[in-house]
Amino acid sequence: MGIDSFSDTEKIYFLARLAHELTVCARSTYEAGTDRVIEPCVLRGYNELQHRVTASLRDYVLEKEGMPFSAVLQMTRDFAAEHGRSEIISSLERLYGRTAT
């Protein structure tokens, strides 16, 4: 099943899981066990991406028109490519069970 055929409920579940995965991926921007951020610009980028993902999730839950699901996924892929974050692509592949590129 491709993402184009996801129901709104499936999109909600997908976006919730993606939001969680992004928090895990963002941990690579700081030094474990300290308050030291080693990649502040990338961490800010994760925050902006997380904002878009959770805004889309909110809109689907409230049954409001918002950013298209495909646009959120493309933004996520673009962020991963721009910042060399293969772990995001791996997360997307796990979430929808096929190549995300």
N, C-alpha and C. Protein backbone atom coordinates (compact mmCIF):
# COMPACT_ATOMS: atom_id res chain seq x y z
N MET A 1 0.84 -1.18 0.00
CA MET A 1 0.00 0.00 0.00
C MET A 1 0.89 1.24 0.00
N GLY A 2 0.64 2.17 -0.91
CA GLY A 2 1.40 3.39 -0.98
C GLY A 2 0.83 4.47 -0.08
N ILE A 3 1.63 5.47 0.18
CA ILE A 3 1.17 6.54 1.07
C ILE A 3 -0.01 7.32 0.50
N ASP A 4 -0.15 7.33 -0.81
CA ASP A 4 -1.27 8.05 -1.42
C ASP A 4 -2.61 7.43 -1.05
N SER A 5 -2.60 6.17 -0.67
CA SER A 5 -3.85 5.52 -0.32
C SER A 5 -4.11 5.50 1.19
N PHE A 6 -3.26 6.15 1.97
CA PHE A 6 -3.49 6.20 3.42
C PHE A 6 -4.78 6.94 3.73
N SER A 7 -5.54 6.39 4.65
CA SER A 7 -6.71 7.10 5.16
C SER A 7 -6.23 8.20 6.11
N ASP A 8 -7.11 9.11 6.47
CA ASP A 8 -6.73 10.15 7.41
C ASP A 8 -6.28 9.55 8.75
N THR A 9 -6.93 8.50 9.18
CA THR A 9 -6.53 7.84 10.42
C THR A 9 -5.12 7.27 10.32
N GLU A 10 -4.81 6.65 9.18
CA GLU A 10 -3.46 6.12 8.99
C GLU A 10 -2.42 7.25 8.95
N LYS A 11 -2.79 8.38 8.38
CA LYS A 11 -1.89 9.53 8.36
C LYS A 11 -1.64 10.04 9.78
N ILE A 12 -2.67 10.05 10.60
CA ILE A 12 -2.52 10.48 12.00
C ILE A 12 -1.53 9.58 12.72
N TYR A 13 -1.71 8.28 12.59
CA TYR A 13 -0.79 7.35 13.24
C TYR A 13 0.62 7.50 12.71
N PHE A 14 0.75 7.64 11.40
CA PHE A 14 2.06 7.80 10.77
C PHE A 14 2.74 9.06 11.29
N LEU A 15 2.05 10.18 11.29
CA LEU A 15 2.64 11.44 11.73
C LEU A 15 3.01 11.41 13.21
N ALA A 16 2.21 10.76 14.03
CA ALA A 16 2.55 10.64 15.45
C ALA A 16 3.83 9.83 15.63
N ARG A 17 3.95 8.73 14.89
CA ARG A 17 5.16 7.92 14.98
C ARG A 17 6.36 8.67 14.41
N LEU A 18 6.14 9.42 13.32
CA LEU A 18 7.23 10.21 12.74
C LEU A 18 7.72 11.27 13.73
N ALA A 19 6.79 11.94 14.40
CA ALA A 19 7.17 12.95 15.39
C ALA A 19 8.06 12.33 16.47
N HIS A 20 7.70 11.15 16.92
CA HIS A 20 8.52 10.46 17.92
C HIS A 20 9.89 10.10 17.36
N GLU A 21 9.92 9.54 16.16
CA GLU A 21 11.19 9.17 15.52
C GLU A 21 12.11 10.37 15.38
N LEU A 22 11.55 11.52 15.03
CA LEU A 22 12.38 12.72 14.86
C LEU A 22 13.02 13.16 16.17
N THR A 23 12.31 12.97 17.29
CA THR A 23 12.93 13.33 18.58
C THR A 23 14.13 12.43 18.87
N VAL A 24 14.01 11.18 18.49
CA VAL A 24 15.13 10.25 18.69
C VAL A 24 16.30 10.63 17.78
N CYS A 25 16.01 10.92 16.51
CA CYS A 25 17.05 11.30 15.56
C CYS A 25 17.75 12.59 15.98
N ALA A 26 17.00 13.53 16.53
CA ALA A 26 17.57 14.83 16.92
C ALA A 26 18.58 14.70 18.06
N ARG A 27 18.55 13.62 18.78
CA ARG A 27 19.51 13.42 19.87
C ARG A 27 20.96 13.41 19.38
N SER A 28 21.15 13.14 18.11
CA SER A 28 22.52 13.11 17.57
C SER A 28 23.13 14.51 17.51
N THR A 29 22.34 15.54 17.77
CA THR A 29 22.85 16.92 17.68
C THR A 29 23.45 17.41 18.99
N TYR A 30 23.34 16.63 20.03
CA TYR A 30 23.94 17.06 21.30
C TYR A 30 24.74 15.93 21.91
N GLU A 31 25.63 16.32 22.81
CA GLU A 31 26.52 15.37 23.46
C GLU A 31 25.76 14.66 24.57
N ALA A 32 25.71 13.34 24.47
CA ALA A 32 24.96 12.53 25.44
C ALA A 32 25.46 12.77 26.85
N GLY A 33 24.54 12.88 27.78
CA GLY A 33 24.88 13.03 29.18
C GLY A 33 25.32 14.42 29.59
N THR A 34 25.23 15.38 28.67
CA THR A 34 25.62 16.75 28.98
C THR A 34 24.55 17.71 28.46
N ASP A 35 24.76 18.98 28.73
CA ASP A 35 23.89 20.03 28.18
C ASP A 35 24.47 20.60 26.90
N ARG A 36 25.55 20.04 26.40
CA ARG A 36 26.28 20.59 25.27
C ARG A 36 25.60 20.21 23.94
N VAL A 37 25.23 21.22 23.18
CA VAL A 37 24.68 21.02 21.84
C VAL A 37 25.85 21.14 20.87
N ILE A 38 26.08 20.09 20.10
CA ILE A 38 27.23 20.08 19.19
C ILE A 38 26.87 20.50 17.77
N GLU A 39 25.58 20.48 17.45
CA GLU A 39 25.11 20.93 16.13
C GLU A 39 23.88 21.82 16.32
N PRO A 40 24.07 23.03 16.81
CA PRO A 40 22.91 23.87 17.11
C PRO A 40 22.04 24.20 15.89
N CYS A 41 22.64 24.42 14.75
CA CYS A 41 21.85 24.75 13.55
C CYS A 41 20.98 23.57 13.12
N VAL A 42 21.54 22.38 13.21
CA VAL A 42 20.77 21.19 12.84
C VAL A 42 19.67 20.94 13.87
N LEU A 43 19.97 21.15 15.14
CA LEU A 43 18.95 20.99 16.17
C LEU A 43 17.79 21.96 15.94
N ARG A 44 18.11 23.19 15.57
CA ARG A 44 17.04 24.15 15.26
C ARG A 44 16.23 23.66 14.05
N GLY A 45 16.92 23.11 13.05
CA GLY A 45 16.22 22.56 11.89
C GLY A 45 15.28 21.43 12.27
N TYR A 46 15.74 20.56 13.18
CA TYR A 46 14.86 19.50 13.67
C TYR A 46 13.63 20.10 14.34
N ASN A 47 13.83 21.15 15.12
CA ASN A 47 12.70 21.78 15.79
C ASN A 47 11.70 22.33 14.78
N GLU A 48 12.18 22.98 13.74
CA GLU A 48 11.29 23.51 12.71
C GLU A 48 10.54 22.40 11.98
N LEU A 49 11.26 21.31 11.67
CA LEU A 49 10.63 20.16 11.03
C LEU A 49 9.58 19.54 11.95
N GLN A 50 9.93 19.39 13.21
CA GLN A 50 9.01 18.83 14.19
C GLN A 50 7.75 19.70 14.29
N HIS A 51 7.93 21.01 14.22
CA HIS A 51 6.79 21.94 14.24
C HIS A 51 5.84 21.66 13.08
N ARG A 52 6.40 21.45 11.89
CA ARG A 52 5.56 21.18 10.71
C ARG A 52 4.86 19.83 10.81
N VAL A 53 5.59 18.82 11.28
CA VAL A 53 5.00 17.48 11.42
C VAL A 53 3.87 17.50 12.43
N THR A 54 4.10 18.12 13.59
CA THR A 54 3.06 18.13 14.61
C THR A 54 1.89 19.05 14.23
N ALA A 55 2.15 20.11 13.47
CA ALA A 55 1.05 20.95 12.98
C ALA A 55 0.17 20.16 12.02
N SER A 56 0.79 19.38 11.16
CA SER A 56 0.03 18.54 10.24
C SER A 56 -0.77 17.49 11.01
N LEU A 57 -0.14 16.89 12.01
CA LEU A 57 -0.83 15.92 12.86
C LEU A 57 -2.04 16.58 13.53
N ARG A 58 -1.85 17.76 14.09
CA ARG A 58 -2.95 18.49 14.72
C ARG A 58 -4.09 18.72 13.73
N ASP A 59 -3.75 19.16 12.51
CA ASP A 59 -4.78 19.45 11.52
C ASP A 59 -5.57 18.19 11.14
N TYR A 60 -4.89 17.06 11.01
CA TYR A 60 -5.62 15.82 10.70
C TYR A 60 -6.53 15.42 11.86
N VAL A 61 -6.05 15.56 13.09
CA VAL A 61 -6.87 15.21 14.25
C VAL A 61 -8.11 16.10 14.32
N LEU A 62 -7.93 17.40 14.02
CA LEU A 62 -9.05 18.34 14.08
C LEU A 62 -9.86 18.38 12.79
N GLU A 63 -9.48 17.54 11.83
CA GLU A 63 -10.16 17.46 10.54
C GLU A 63 -10.18 18.81 9.83
N LYS A 64 -9.03 19.49 9.90
CA LYS A 64 -8.87 20.78 9.24
C LYS A 64 -7.94 20.59 8.04
N GLU A 65 -8.11 21.44 7.06
CA GLU A 65 -7.21 21.40 5.92
C GLU A 65 -5.89 22.04 6.32
N GLY A 66 -4.84 21.38 6.04
CA GLY A 66 -3.51 21.90 6.36
C GLY A 66 -2.54 21.53 5.26
N MET A 67 -1.28 21.48 5.61
CA MET A 67 -0.25 21.11 4.64
C MET A 67 -0.51 19.67 4.17
N PRO A 68 -0.45 19.43 2.88
CA PRO A 68 -0.66 18.07 2.38
C PRO A 68 0.35 17.08 2.99
N PHE A 69 -0.13 15.89 3.23
CA PHE A 69 0.69 14.82 3.80
C PHE A 69 1.95 14.61 2.98
N SER A 70 1.79 14.61 1.66
CA SER A 70 2.96 14.39 0.79
C SER A 70 3.98 15.51 0.94
N ALA A 71 3.53 16.73 1.20
CA ALA A 71 4.45 17.86 1.39
C ALA A 71 5.25 17.70 2.68
N VAL A 72 4.60 17.21 3.72
CA VAL A 72 5.30 16.96 4.99
C VAL A 72 6.38 15.89 4.79
N LEU A 73 6.03 14.83 4.07
CA LEU A 73 7.00 13.77 3.81
C LEU A 73 8.16 14.28 2.97
N GLN A 74 7.86 15.10 1.97
CA GLN A 74 8.93 15.65 1.12
C GLN A 74 9.83 16.57 1.93
N MET A 75 9.25 17.39 2.78
CA MET A 75 10.03 18.27 3.63
C MET A 75 10.96 17.46 4.54
N THR A 76 10.45 16.35 5.04
CA THR A 76 11.25 15.48 5.90
C THR A 76 12.41 14.87 5.11
N ARG A 77 12.13 14.39 3.91
CA ARG A 77 13.19 13.84 3.06
C ARG A 77 14.23 14.90 2.70
N ASP A 78 13.75 16.10 2.38
CA ASP A 78 14.66 17.19 2.02
C ASP A 78 15.58 17.55 3.20
N PHE A 79 15.02 17.61 4.39
CA PHE A 79 15.82 17.88 5.59
C PHE A 79 16.89 16.82 5.76
N ALA A 80 16.49 15.57 5.61
CA ALA A 80 17.44 14.45 5.75
C ALA A 80 18.58 14.57 4.74
N ALA A 81 18.24 14.88 3.50
CA ALA A 81 19.26 15.01 2.45
C ALA A 81 20.17 16.21 2.71
N GLU A 82 19.59 17.33 3.07
CA GLU A 82 20.36 18.55 3.28
C GLU A 82 21.36 18.41 4.43
N HIS A 83 20.97 17.66 5.45
CA HIS A 83 21.81 17.54 6.64
C HIS A 83 22.50 16.18 6.78
N GLY A 84 22.40 15.35 5.75
CA GLY A 84 23.06 14.05 5.78
C GLY A 84 22.56 13.14 6.89
N ARG A 85 21.27 13.11 7.07
CA ARG A 85 20.66 12.33 8.16
C ARG A 85 20.00 11.07 7.62
N SER A 86 20.80 10.08 7.35
CA SER A 86 20.27 8.82 6.82
C SER A 86 19.33 8.13 7.81
N GLU A 87 19.49 8.43 9.09
CA GLU A 87 18.61 7.80 10.09
C GLU A 87 17.15 8.23 9.91
N ILE A 88 16.94 9.42 9.35
CA ILE A 88 15.56 9.85 9.09
C ILE A 88 14.97 9.03 7.95
N ILE A 89 15.75 8.82 6.91
CA ILE A 89 15.28 7.99 5.79
C ILE A 89 14.99 6.58 6.28
N SER A 90 15.86 6.04 7.12
CA SER A 90 15.61 4.71 7.69
C SER A 90 14.32 4.69 8.49
N SER A 91 14.07 5.76 9.24
CA SER A 91 12.82 5.84 10.01
C SER A 91 11.62 5.86 9.09
N LEU A 92 11.69 6.67 8.03
CA LEU A 92 10.58 6.71 7.07
C LEU A 92 10.35 5.34 6.45
N GLU A 93 11.41 4.66 6.09
CA GLU A 93 11.28 3.32 5.49
C GLU A 93 10.61 2.36 6.46
N ARG A 94 11.00 2.42 7.73
CA ARG A 94 10.36 1.56 8.73
C ARG A 94 8.88 1.91 8.87
N LEU A 95 8.59 3.21 8.83
CA LEU A 95 7.21 3.63 9.05
C LEU A 95 6.27 3.26 7.93
N TYR A 96 6.72 3.31 6.71
CA TYR A 96 5.79 2.91 5.65
C TYR A 96 6.27 1.76 4.80
N GLY A 97 7.28 1.07 5.28
CA GLY A 97 7.62 -0.23 4.75
C GLY A 97 8.10 -0.28 3.31
N ARG A 98 8.56 0.84 2.79
CA ARG A 98 9.12 0.83 1.44
C ARG A 98 10.13 1.95 1.33
N THR A 99 10.86 2.00 0.23
CA THR A 99 11.87 3.03 0.04
C THR A 99 11.22 4.40 0.06
N ALA A 100 11.81 5.31 0.83
CA ALA A 100 11.23 6.63 1.02
C ALA A 100 11.75 7.66 0.05
N THR A 101 12.65 7.30 -0.82
CA THR A 101 13.21 8.28 -1.74
C THR A 101 12.57 8.22 -3.08
